[in-house]
Amino acid sequence: MHRYFRLLRELGVEPPIFLLLSLVGVSGYKMLQKDMPYGYYSVLRPVDRDDLVVPEIMVESLEQDFHALQRRMRPLLDAVWNAVSLPRSPRYDESGNWKSRS
């Protein structure tokens, strides 16, 4: 997303812009969740619909730093994880900050 925003700035695109996420043909697909601290993976409930269309988010500035952009993306990613029975994306901490890979 960071590179995409840079390209939009270079092309002179004026905000606001809207970010949307749609996963098509995903009924029955399963996601894995890494269990910490041991590193095992759990298979989560399969997606129960063919098309997973996540509500859009509006981005009012293309000048956001990388961490602000990661926080802004959270609602999109939370919605995907909701579809497989988790309340939120495991990639964010309780404060809404993106967790680096361990």
PDB file of N, CA and C in Angstrom:
ATOM      1  N   MET A   1       0.820  -1.194   0.000  1.00  0.00           N
ATOM      2  CA  MET A   1       0.000   0.000   0.000  1.00  0.00           C
ATOM      3  C   MET A   1       0.864   1.258   0.000  1.00  0.00           C
ATOM      4  N   HIS A   2       1.986   1.182   0.704  1.00  0.00           N
ATOM      5  CA  HIS A   2       2.859   2.349   0.770  1.00  0.00           C
ATOM      6  C   HIS A   2       3.326   2.743  -0.636  1.00  0.00           C
ATOM      7  N   ARG A   3       3.760   1.766  -1.435  1.00  0.00           N
ATOM      8  CA  ARG A   3       4.205   2.048  -2.803  1.00  0.00           C
ATOM      9  C   ARG A   3       3.047   2.531  -3.675  1.00  0.00           C
ATOM     10  N   TYR A   4       1.888   1.945  -3.471  1.00  0.00           N
ATOM     11  CA  TYR A   4       0.707   2.349  -4.224  1.00  0.00           C
ATOM     12  C   TYR A   4       0.360   3.813  -3.930  1.00  0.00           C
ATOM     13  N   PHE A   5       0.410   4.201  -2.672  1.00  0.00           N
ATOM     14  CA  PHE A   5       0.135   5.598  -2.316  1.00  0.00           C
ATOM     15  C   PHE A   5       1.170   6.528  -2.937  1.00  0.00           C
ATOM     16  N   ARG A   6       2.425   6.109  -2.941  1.00  0.00           N
ATOM     17  CA  ARG A   6       3.471   6.933  -3.565  1.00  0.00           C
ATOM     18  C   ARG A   6       3.179   7.120  -5.055  1.00  0.00           C
ATOM     19  N   LEU A   7       2.770   6.042  -5.735  1.00  0.00           N
ATOM     20  CA  LEU A   7       2.421   6.134  -7.154  1.00  0.00           C
ATOM     21  C   LEU A   7       1.238   7.085  -7.359  1.00  0.00           C
ATOM     22  N   LEU A   8       0.223   6.976  -6.513  1.00  0.00           N
ATOM     23  CA  LEU A   8      -0.930   7.882  -6.635  1.00  0.00           C
ATOM     24  C   LEU A   8      -0.500   9.338  -6.483  1.00  0.00           C
ATOM     25  N   ARG A   9       0.405   9.614  -5.542  1.00  0.00           N
ATOM     26  CA  ARG A   9       0.909  10.984  -5.375  1.00  0.00           C
ATOM     27  C   ARG A   9       1.648  11.436  -6.623  1.00  0.00           C
ATOM     28  N   GLU A  10       2.502  10.557  -7.169  1.00  0.00           N
ATOM     29  CA  GLU A  10       3.266  10.897  -8.375  1.00  0.00           C
ATOM     30  C   GLU A  10       2.353  11.155  -9.569  1.00  0.00           C
ATOM     31  N   LEU A  11       1.224  10.465  -9.633  1.00  0.00           N
ATOM     32  CA  LEU A  11       0.266  10.652 -10.728  1.00  0.00           C
ATOM     33  C   LEU A  11      -0.644  11.854 -10.512  1.00  0.00           C
ATOM     34  N   GLY A  12      -0.544  12.480  -9.334  1.00  0.00           N
ATOM     35  CA  GLY A  12      -1.343  13.662  -9.056  1.00  0.00           C
ATOM     36  C   GLY A  12      -2.771  13.360  -8.637  1.00  0.00           C
ATOM     37  N   VAL A  13      -3.036  12.148  -8.166  1.00  0.00           N
ATOM     38  CA  VAL A  13      -4.376  11.795  -7.702  1.00  0.00           C
ATOM     39  C   VAL A  13      -4.674  12.572  -6.420  1.00  0.00           C
ATOM     40  N   GLU A  14      -5.843  13.162  -6.375  1.00  0.00           N
ATOM     41  CA  GLU A  14      -6.253  13.953  -5.216  1.00  0.00           C
ATOM     42  C   GLU A  14      -7.137  13.116  -4.296  1.00  0.00           C
ATOM     43  N   PRO A  15      -6.841  13.111  -2.995  1.00  0.00           N
ATOM     44  CA  PRO A  15      -7.702  12.408  -2.056  1.00  0.00           C
ATOM     45  C   PRO A  15      -9.019  13.159  -1.875  1.00  0.00           C
ATOM     46  N   PRO A  16     -10.022  12.522  -1.319  1.00  0.00           N
ATOM     47  CA  PRO A  16      -9.948  11.221  -0.659  1.00  0.00           C
ATOM     48  C   PRO A  16      -9.974  10.075  -1.668  1.00  0.00           C
ATOM     49  N   ILE A  17      -9.457   8.931  -1.194  1.00  0.00           N
ATOM     50  CA  ILE A  17      -9.573   7.704  -1.965  1.00  0.00           C
ATOM     51  C   ILE A  17     -10.243   6.667  -1.066  1.00  0.00           C
ATOM     52  N   PHE A  18     -10.770   5.641  -1.675  1.00  0.00           N
ATOM     53  CA  PHE A  18     -11.453   4.592  -0.933  1.00  0.00           C
ATOM     54  C   PHE A  18     -10.747   3.266  -1.164  1.00  0.00           C
ATOM     55  N   LEU A  19     -10.502   2.558  -0.075  1.00  0.00           N
ATOM     56  CA  LEU A  19      -9.887   1.237  -0.143  1.00  0.00           C
ATOM     57  C   LEU A  19     -10.980   0.199   0.041  1.00  0.00           C
ATOM     58  N   LEU A  20     -11.020  -0.758  -0.864  1.00  0.00           N
ATOM     59  CA  LEU A  20     -12.014  -1.821  -0.811  1.00  0.00           C
ATOM     60  C   LEU A  20     -11.307  -3.158  -0.925  1.00  0.00           C
ATOM     61  N   LEU A  21     -11.922  -4.182  -0.370  1.00  0.00           N
ATOM     62  CA  LEU A  21     -11.366  -5.522  -0.452  1.00  0.00           C
ATOM     63  C   LEU A  21     -12.499  -6.495  -0.723  1.00  0.00           C
ATOM     64  N   SER A  22     -12.362  -7.273  -1.761  1.00  0.00           N
ATOM     65  CA  SER A  22     -13.336  -8.311  -2.091  1.00  0.00           C
ATOM     66  C   SER A  22     -12.588  -9.598  -2.390  1.00  0.00           C
ATOM     67  N   LEU A  23     -12.989 -10.660  -1.736  1.00  0.00           N
ATOM     68  CA  LEU A  23     -12.445 -11.987  -1.998  1.00  0.00           C
ATOM     69  C   LEU A  23     -13.566 -12.782  -2.642  1.00  0.00           C
ATOM     70  N   VAL A  24     -13.362 -13.221  -3.874  1.00  0.00           N
ATOM     71  CA  VAL A  24     -14.407 -13.855  -4.674  1.00  0.00           C
ATOM     72  C   VAL A  24     -14.122 -15.349  -4.806  1.00  0.00           C
ATOM     73  N   GLY A  25     -15.167 -16.153  -4.651  1.00  0.00           N
ATOM     74  CA  GLY A  25     -15.036 -17.599  -4.795  1.00  0.00           C
ATOM     75  C   GLY A  25     -14.295 -18.247  -3.637  1.00  0.00           C
ATOM     76  N   VAL A  26     -14.513 -17.774  -2.406  1.00  0.00           N
ATOM     77  CA  VAL A  26     -13.747 -18.266  -1.262  1.00  0.00           C
ATOM     78  C   VAL A  26     -14.532 -19.177  -0.323  1.00  0.00           C
ATOM     79  N   SER A  27     -15.739 -19.534  -0.680  1.00  0.00           N
ATOM     80  CA  SER A  27     -16.533 -20.411   0.187  1.00  0.00           C
ATOM     81  C   SER A  27     -15.774 -21.709   0.448  1.00  0.00           C
ATOM     82  N   GLY A  28     -15.671 -22.066   1.725  1.00  0.00           N
ATOM     83  CA  GLY A  28     -14.976 -23.288   2.107  1.00  0.00           C
ATOM     84  C   GLY A  28     -13.485 -23.129   2.333  1.00  0.00           C
ATOM     85  N   TYR A  29     -12.903 -22.021   1.916  1.00  0.00           N
ATOM     86  CA  TYR A  29     -11.478 -21.798   2.162  1.00  0.00           C
ATOM     87  C   TYR A  29     -11.244 -21.650   3.657  1.00  0.00           C
ATOM     88  N   LYS A  30     -10.084 -22.074   4.103  1.00  0.00           N
ATOM     89  CA  LYS A  30      -9.735 -22.001   5.517  1.00  0.00           C
ATOM     90  C   LYS A  30      -8.469 -21.168   5.679  1.00  0.00           C
ATOM     91  N   MET A  31      -8.379 -20.511   6.816  1.00  0.00           N
ATOM     92  CA  MET A  31      -7.174 -19.744   7.132  1.00  0.00           C
ATOM     93  C   MET A  31      -6.485 -20.417   8.304  1.00  0.00           C
ATOM     94  N   LEU A  32      -5.199 -20.195   8.390  1.00  0.00           N
ATOM     95  CA  LEU A  32      -4.412 -20.715   9.490  1.00  0.00           C
ATOM     96  C   LEU A  32      -4.092 -19.591  10.455  1.00  0.00           C
ATOM     97  N   GLN A  33      -4.034 -19.935  11.734  1.00  0.00           N
ATOM     98  CA  GLN A  33      -3.615 -18.970  12.745  1.00  0.00           C
ATOM     99  C   GLN A  33      -2.435 -19.560  13.489  1.00  0.00           C
ATOM    100  N   LYS A  34      -1.378 -18.778  13.582  1.00  0.00           N
ATOM    101  CA  LYS A  34      -0.187 -19.231  14.294  1.00  0.00           C
ATOM    102  C   LYS A  34      -0.410 -19.066  15.789  1.00  0.00           C
ATOM    103  N   ASP A  35      -0.293 -20.171  16.527  1.00  0.00           N
ATOM    104  CA  ASP A  35      -0.435 -20.145  17.981  1.00  0.00           C
ATOM    105  C   ASP A  35       0.918 -19.827  18.600  1.00  0.00           C
ATOM    106  N   MET A  36       0.935 -18.829  19.428  1.00  0.00           N
ATOM    107  CA  MET A  36       2.180 -18.437  20.080  1.00  0.00           C
ATOM    108  C   MET A  36       2.185 -19.017  21.479  1.00  0.00           C
ATOM    109  N   PRO A  37       3.267 -19.291  22.101  1.00  0.00           N
ATOM    110  CA  PRO A  37       4.639 -19.024  21.665  1.00  0.00           C
ATOM    111  C   PRO A  37       5.281 -20.201  20.935  1.00  0.00           C
ATOM    112  N   TYR A  38       4.538 -21.270  20.716  1.00  0.00           N
ATOM    113  CA  TYR A  38       5.144 -22.500  20.187  1.00  0.00           C
ATOM    114  C   TYR A  38       5.240 -22.547  18.677  1.00  0.00           C
ATOM    115  N   GLY A  39       4.508 -21.718  17.974  1.00  0.00           N
ATOM    116  CA  GLY A  39       4.611 -21.669  16.527  1.00  0.00           C
ATOM    117  C   GLY A  39       3.770 -22.680  15.782  1.00  0.00           C
ATOM    118  N   TYR A  40       2.859 -23.350  16.470  1.00  0.00           N
ATOM    119  CA  TYR A  40       1.957 -24.282  15.800  1.00  0.00           C
ATOM    120  C   TYR A  40       0.862 -23.509  15.086  1.00  0.00           C
ATOM    121  N   TYR A  41       0.261 -24.135  14.092  1.00  0.00           N
ATOM    122  CA  TYR A  41      -0.822 -23.495  13.359  1.00  0.00           C
ATOM    123  C   TYR A  41      -2.139 -24.201  13.651  1.00  0.00           C
ATOM    124  N   SER A  42      -3.200 -23.408  13.778  1.00  0.00           N
ATOM    125  CA  SER A  42      -4.551 -23.929  13.942  1.00  0.00           C
ATOM    126  C   SER A  42      -5.336 -23.609  12.685  1.00  0.00           C
ATOM    127  N   VAL A  43      -6.163 -24.545  12.247  1.00  0.00           N
ATOM    128  CA  VAL A  43      -7.053 -24.299  11.117  1.00  0.00           C
ATOM    129  C   VAL A  43      -8.339 -23.704  11.671  1.00  0.00           C
ATOM    130  N   LEU A  44      -8.729 -22.579  11.125  1.00  0.00           N
ATOM    131  CA  LEU A  44      -9.932 -21.898  11.590  1.00  0.00           C
ATOM    132  C   LEU A  44     -11.150 -22.338  10.783  1.00  0.00           C
ATOM    133  N   ARG A  45     -12.323 -21.961  11.260  1.00  0.00           N
ATOM    134  CA  ARG A  45     -13.573 -22.277  10.570  1.00  0.00           C
ATOM    135  C   ARG A  45     -13.504 -21.805   9.120  1.00  0.00           C
ATOM    136  N   PRO A  46     -14.024 -22.597   8.175  1.00  0.00           N
ATOM    137  CA  PRO A  46     -13.985 -22.170   6.766  1.00  0.00           C
ATOM    138  C   PRO A  46     -14.902 -20.976   6.506  1.00  0.00           C
ATOM    139  N   VAL A  47     -14.570 -20.217   5.484  1.00  0.00           N
ATOM    140  CA  VAL A  47     -15.405 -19.093   5.068  1.00  0.00           C
ATOM    141  C   VAL A  47     -16.754 -19.659   4.616  1.00  0.00           C
ATOM    142  N   ASP A  48     -17.825 -19.061   5.086  1.00  0.00           N
ATOM    143  CA  ASP A  48     -19.162 -19.609   4.839  1.00  0.00           C
ATOM    144  C   ASP A  48     -19.913 -18.951   3.684  1.00  0.00           C
ATOM    145  N   ARG A  49     -19.239 -18.135   2.911  1.00  0.00           N
ATOM    146  CA  ARG A  49     -19.896 -17.501   1.761  1.00  0.00           C
ATOM    147  C   ARG A  49     -18.955 -17.488   0.566  1.00  0.00           C
ATOM    148  N   ASP A  50     -19.526 -17.435  -0.601  1.00  0.00           N
ATOM    149  CA  ASP A  50     -18.723 -17.472  -1.818  1.00  0.00           C
ATOM    150  C   ASP A  50     -17.942 -16.181  -2.013  1.00  0.00           C
ATOM    151  N   ASP A  51     -18.574 -15.056  -1.753  1.00  0.00           N
ATOM    152  CA  ASP A  51     -17.925 -13.754  -1.937  1.00  0.00           C
ATOM    153  C   ASP A  51     -17.864 -13.026  -0.603  1.00  0.00           C
ATOM    154  N   LEU A  52     -16.683 -12.616  -0.241  1.00  0.00           N
ATOM    155  CA  LEU A  52     -16.472 -11.861   0.989  1.00  0.00           C
ATOM    156  C   LEU A  52     -16.153 -10.430   0.575  1.00  0.00           C
ATOM    157  N   VAL A  53     -17.135  -9.559   0.734  1.00  0.00           N
ATOM    158  CA  VAL A  53     -16.996  -8.157   0.336  1.00  0.00           C
ATOM    159  C   VAL A  53     -16.925  -7.329   1.618  1.00  0.00           C
ATOM    160  N   VAL A  54     -15.785  -6.700   1.811  1.00  0.00           N
ATOM    161  CA  VAL A  54     -15.504  -5.950   3.029  1.00  0.00           C
ATOM    162  C   VAL A  54     -15.871  -4.479   2.807  1.00  0.00           C
ATOM    163  N   PRO A  55     -16.534  -3.842   3.784  1.00  0.00           N
ATOM    164  CA  PRO A  55     -16.865  -2.415   3.628  1.00  0.00           C
ATOM    165  C   PRO A  55     -15.612  -1.564   3.398  1.00  0.00           C
ATOM    166  N   GLU A  56     -15.773  -0.545   2.572  1.00  0.00           N
ATOM    167  CA  GLU A  56     -14.630   0.307   2.227  1.00  0.00           C
ATOM    168  C   GLU A  56     -14.242   1.225   3.382  1.00  0.00           C
ATOM    169  N   ILE A  57     -13.007   1.707   3.297  1.00  0.00           N
ATOM    170  CA  ILE A  57     -12.562   2.750   4.219  1.00  0.00           C
ATOM    171  C   ILE A  57     -12.098   3.932   3.385  1.00  0.00           C
ATOM    172  N   MET A  58     -12.330   5.123   3.913  1.00  0.00           N
ATOM    173  CA  MET A  58     -11.925   6.335   3.215  1.00  0.00           C
ATOM    174  C   MET A  58     -10.579   6.799   3.769  1.00  0.00           C
ATOM    175  N   VAL A  59      -9.672   7.126   2.857  1.00  0.00           N
ATOM    176  CA  VAL A  59      -8.363   7.660   3.227  1.00  0.00           C
ATOM    177  C   VAL A  59      -8.336   9.097   2.733  1.00  0.00           C
ATOM    178  N   GLU A  60      -8.166  10.013   3.673  1.00  0.00           N
ATOM    179  CA  GLU A  60      -8.261  11.432   3.349  1.00  0.00           C
ATOM    180  C   GLU A  60      -6.938  12.064   2.950  1.00  0.00           C
ATOM    181  N   SER A  61      -5.826  11.343   3.178  1.00  0.00           N
ATOM    182  CA  SER A  61      -4.523  11.896   2.832  1.00  0.00           C
ATOM    183  C   SER A  61      -3.622  10.787   2.298  1.00  0.00           C
ATOM    184  N   LEU A  62      -2.890  11.093   1.243  1.00  0.00           N
ATOM    185  CA  LEU A  62      -1.915  10.148   0.703  1.00  0.00           C
ATOM    186  C   LEU A  62      -0.547  10.348   1.345  1.00  0.00           C
ATOM    187  N   GLU A  63      -0.456  11.232   2.298  1.00  0.00           N
ATOM    188  CA  GLU A  63       0.817  11.560   2.946  1.00  0.00           C
ATOM    189  C   GLU A  63       1.020  10.823   4.260  1.00  0.00           C
ATOM    190  N   GLN A  64       0.269   9.769   4.501  1.00  0.00           N
ATOM    191  CA  GLN A  64       0.385   9.043   5.759  1.00  0.00           C
ATOM    192  C   GLN A  64       1.692   8.267   5.818  1.00  0.00           C
ATOM    193  N   ASP A  65       2.254   8.175   7.025  1.00  0.00           N
ATOM    194  CA  ASP A  65       3.443   7.343   7.169  1.00  0.00           C
ATOM    195  C   ASP A  65       3.020   5.875   7.154  1.00  0.00           C
ATOM    196  N   PHE A  66       4.004   5.004   7.039  1.00  0.00           N
ATOM    197  CA  PHE A  66       3.745   3.576   6.885  1.00  0.00           C
ATOM    198  C   PHE A  66       2.927   3.017   8.050  1.00  0.00           C
ATOM    199  N   HIS A  67       3.253   3.405   9.291  1.00  0.00           N
ATOM    200  CA  HIS A  67       2.547   2.879  10.459  1.00  0.00           C
ATOM    201  C   HIS A  67       1.106   3.385  10.524  1.00  0.00           C
ATOM    202  N   ALA A  68       0.903   4.628  10.143  1.00  0.00           N
ATOM    203  CA  ALA A  68      -0.464   5.161  10.107  1.00  0.00           C
ATOM    204  C   ALA A  68      -1.291   4.416   9.071  1.00  0.00           C
ATOM    205  N   LEU A  69      -0.692   4.090   7.950  1.00  0.00           N
ATOM    206  CA  LEU A  69      -1.388   3.347   6.912  1.00  0.00           C
ATOM    207  C   LEU A  69      -1.743   1.937   7.394  1.00  0.00           C
ATOM    208  N   GLN A  70      -0.827   1.295   8.099  1.00  0.00           N
ATOM    209  CA  GLN A  70      -1.112  -0.033   8.650  1.00  0.00           C
ATOM    210  C   GLN A  70      -2.296   0.023   9.618  1.00  0.00           C
ATOM    211  N   ARG A  71      -2.333   1.025  10.478  1.00  0.00           N
ATOM    212  CA  ARG A  71      -3.462   1.169  11.410  1.00  0.00           C
ATOM    213  C   ARG A  71      -4.759   1.423  10.660  1.00  0.00           C
ATOM    214  N   ARG A  72      -4.684   2.186   9.581  1.00  0.00           N
ATOM    215  CA  ARG A  72      -5.867   2.527   8.785  1.00  0.00           C
ATOM    216  C   ARG A  72      -6.468   1.287   8.105  1.00  0.00           C
ATOM    217  N   MET A  73      -5.607   0.314   7.782  1.00  0.00           N
ATOM    218  CA  MET A  73      -6.043  -0.910   7.102  1.00  0.00           C
ATOM    219  C   MET A  73      -6.718  -1.908   8.043  1.00  0.00           C
ATOM    220  N   ARG A  74      -6.624  -1.693   9.333  1.00  0.00           N
ATOM    221  CA  ARG A  74      -7.123  -2.674  10.299  1.00  0.00           C
ATOM    222  C   ARG A  74      -8.578  -3.072  10.086  1.00  0.00           C
ATOM    223  N   PRO A  75      -9.508  -2.156   9.869  1.00  0.00           N
ATOM    224  CA  PRO A  75     -10.901  -2.590   9.688  1.00  0.00           C
ATOM    225  C   PRO A  75     -11.089  -3.571   8.527  1.00  0.00           C
ATOM    226  N   LEU A  76     -10.338  -3.388   7.453  1.00  0.00           N
ATOM    227  CA  LEU A  76     -10.439  -4.312   6.323  1.00  0.00           C
ATOM    228  C   LEU A  76      -9.981  -5.710   6.724  1.00  0.00           C
ATOM    229  N   LEU A  77      -8.841  -5.776   7.390  1.00  0.00           N
ATOM    230  CA  LEU A  77      -8.289  -7.067   7.765  1.00  0.00           C
ATOM    231  C   LEU A  77      -9.085  -7.721   8.893  1.00  0.00           C
ATOM    232  N   ASP A  78      -9.594  -6.918   9.818  1.00  0.00           N
ATOM    233  CA  ASP A  78     -10.456  -7.477  10.871  1.00  0.00           C
ATOM    234  C   ASP A  78     -11.674  -8.154  10.263  1.00  0.00           C
ATOM    235  N   ALA A  79     -12.261  -7.549   9.254  1.00  0.00           N
ATOM    236  CA  ALA A  79     -13.451  -8.118   8.617  1.00  0.00           C
ATOM    237  C   ALA A  79     -13.161  -9.472   7.985  1.00  0.00           C
ATOM    238  N   VAL A  80     -11.986  -9.630   7.397  1.00  0.00           N
ATOM    239  CA  VAL A  80     -11.612 -10.925   6.812  1.00  0.00           C
ATOM    240  C   VAL A  80     -11.500 -11.972   7.914  1.00  0.00           C
ATOM    241  N   TRP A  81     -10.850 -11.633   9.008  1.00  0.00           N
ATOM    242  CA  TRP A  81     -10.695 -12.591  10.103  1.00  0.00           C
ATOM    243  C   TRP A  81     -12.032 -12.878  10.781  1.00  0.00           C
ATOM    244  N   ASN A  82     -12.948 -11.910  10.787  1.00  0.00           N
ATOM    245  CA  ASN A  82     -14.297 -12.153  11.318  1.00  0.00           C
ATOM    246  C   ASN A  82     -14.983 -13.279  10.554  1.00  0.00           C
ATOM    247  N   ALA A  83     -14.716 -13.364   9.260  1.00  0.00           N
ATOM    248  CA  ALA A  83     -15.366 -14.368   8.415  1.00  0.00           C
ATOM    249  C   ALA A  83     -14.914 -15.789   8.747  1.00  0.00           C
ATOM    250  N   VAL A  84     -13.810 -15.934   9.488  1.00  0.00           N
ATOM    251  CA  VAL A  84     -13.338 -17.264   9.879  1.00  0.00           C
ATOM    252  C   VAL A  84     -13.352 -17.423  11.399  1.00  0.00           C
ATOM    253  N   SER A  85     -14.221 -16.677  12.040  1.00  0.00           N
ATOM    254  CA  SER A  85     -14.569 -16.809  13.462  1.00  0.00           C
ATOM    255  C   SER A  85     -13.658 -16.112  14.462  1.00  0.00           C
ATOM    256  N   LEU A  86     -12.757 -15.265  14.020  1.00  0.00           N
ATOM    257  CA  LEU A  86     -11.952 -14.508  14.978  1.00  0.00           C
ATOM    258  C   LEU A  86     -12.499 -13.094  15.118  1.00  0.00           C
ATOM    259  N   PRO A  87     -12.413 -12.523  16.315  1.00  0.00           N
ATOM    260  CA  PRO A  87     -12.958 -11.173  16.515  1.00  0.00           C
ATOM    261  C   PRO A  87     -12.161 -10.077  15.818  1.00  0.00           C
ATOM    262  N   ARG A  88     -10.861 -10.351  15.534  1.00  0.00           N
ATOM    263  CA  ARG A  88     -10.023  -9.339  14.897  1.00  0.00           C
ATOM    264  C   ARG A  88      -8.808 -10.015  14.280  1.00  0.00           C
ATOM    265  N   SER A  89      -8.084  -9.255  13.501  1.00  0.00           N
ATOM    266  CA  SER A  89      -6.861  -9.761  12.890  1.00  0.00           C
ATOM    267  C   SER A  89      -5.809 -10.010  13.960  1.00  0.00           C
ATOM    268  N   PRO A  90      -5.167 -11.167  13.940  1.00  0.00           N
ATOM    269  CA  PRO A  90      -4.107 -11.425  14.919  1.00  0.00           C
ATOM    270  C   PRO A  90      -2.821 -10.647  14.625  1.00  0.00           C
ATOM    271  N   ARG A  91      -2.772  -9.937  13.530  1.00  0.00           N
ATOM    272  CA  ARG A  91      -1.567  -9.181  13.161  1.00  0.00           C
ATOM    273  C   ARG A  91      -1.496  -7.811  13.838  1.00  0.00           C
ATOM    274  N   TYR A  92      -2.521  -7.462  14.626  1.00  0.00           N
ATOM    275  CA  TYR A  92      -2.527  -6.181  15.336  1.00  0.00           C
ATOM    276  C   TYR A  92      -2.510  -6.430  16.835  1.00  0.00           C
ATOM    277  N   ASP A  93      -1.834  -5.545  17.568  1.00  0.00           N
ATOM    278  CA  ASP A  93      -1.856  -5.655  19.022  1.00  0.00           C
ATOM    279  C   ASP A  93      -3.115  -4.978  19.568  1.00  0.00           C
ATOM    280  N   GLU A  94      -3.260  -4.980  20.876  1.00  0.00           N
ATOM    281  CA  GLU A  94      -4.467  -4.424  21.500  1.00  0.00           C
ATOM    282  C   GLU A  94      -4.616  -2.921  21.262  1.00  0.00           C
ATOM    283  N   SER A  95      -3.514  -2.232  20.966  1.00  0.00           N
ATOM    284  CA  SER A  95      -3.563  -0.790  20.697  1.00  0.00           C
ATOM    285  C   SER A  95      -3.831  -0.463  19.233  1.00  0.00           C
ATOM    286  N   GLY A  96      -3.950  -1.498  18.404  1.00  0.00           N
ATOM    287  CA  GLY A  96      -4.218  -1.277  16.992  1.00  0.00           C
ATOM    288  C   GLY A  96      -2.981  -1.097  16.138  1.00  0.00           C
ATOM    289  N   ASN A  97      -1.816  -1.462  16.675  1.00  0.00           N
ATOM    290  CA  ASN A  97      -0.564  -1.351  15.924  1.00  0.00           C
ATOM    291  C   ASN A  97      -0.227  -2.690  15.288  1.00  0.00           C
ATOM    292  N   TRP A  98       0.296  -2.637  14.073  1.00  0.00           N
ATOM    293  CA  TRP A  98       0.702  -3.834  13.333  1.00  0.00           C
ATOM    294  C   TRP A  98       1.855  -4.512  14.066  1.00  0.00           C
ATOM    295  N   LYS A  99       1.733  -5.812  14.265  1.00  0.00           N
ATOM    296  CA  LYS A  99       2.803  -6.573  14.907  1.00  0.00           C
ATOM    297  C   LYS A  99       3.783  -7.063  13.852  1.00  0.00           C
ATOM    298  N   SER A 100       5.061  -6.880  14.117  1.00  0.00           N
ATOM    299  CA  SER A 100       6.052  -7.396  13.178  1.00  0.00           C
ATOM    300  C   SER A 100       6.092  -8.917  13.302  1.00  0.00           C
ATOM    301  N   ARG A 101       6.549  -9.552  12.244  1.00  0.00           N
ATOM    302  CA  ARG A 101       6.630 -11.024  12.244  1.00  0.00           C
ATOM    303  C   ARG A 101       7.642 -11.481  13.271  1.00  0.00           C
ATOM    304  N   SER A 102       7.286 -12.596  13.937  1.00  0.00           N
ATOM    305  CA  SER A 102       8.208 -13.135  14.945  1.00  0.00           C
ATOM    306  C   SER A 102       8.889 -14.381  14.425  1.00  0.00           C
TER     307      SER A 102
END
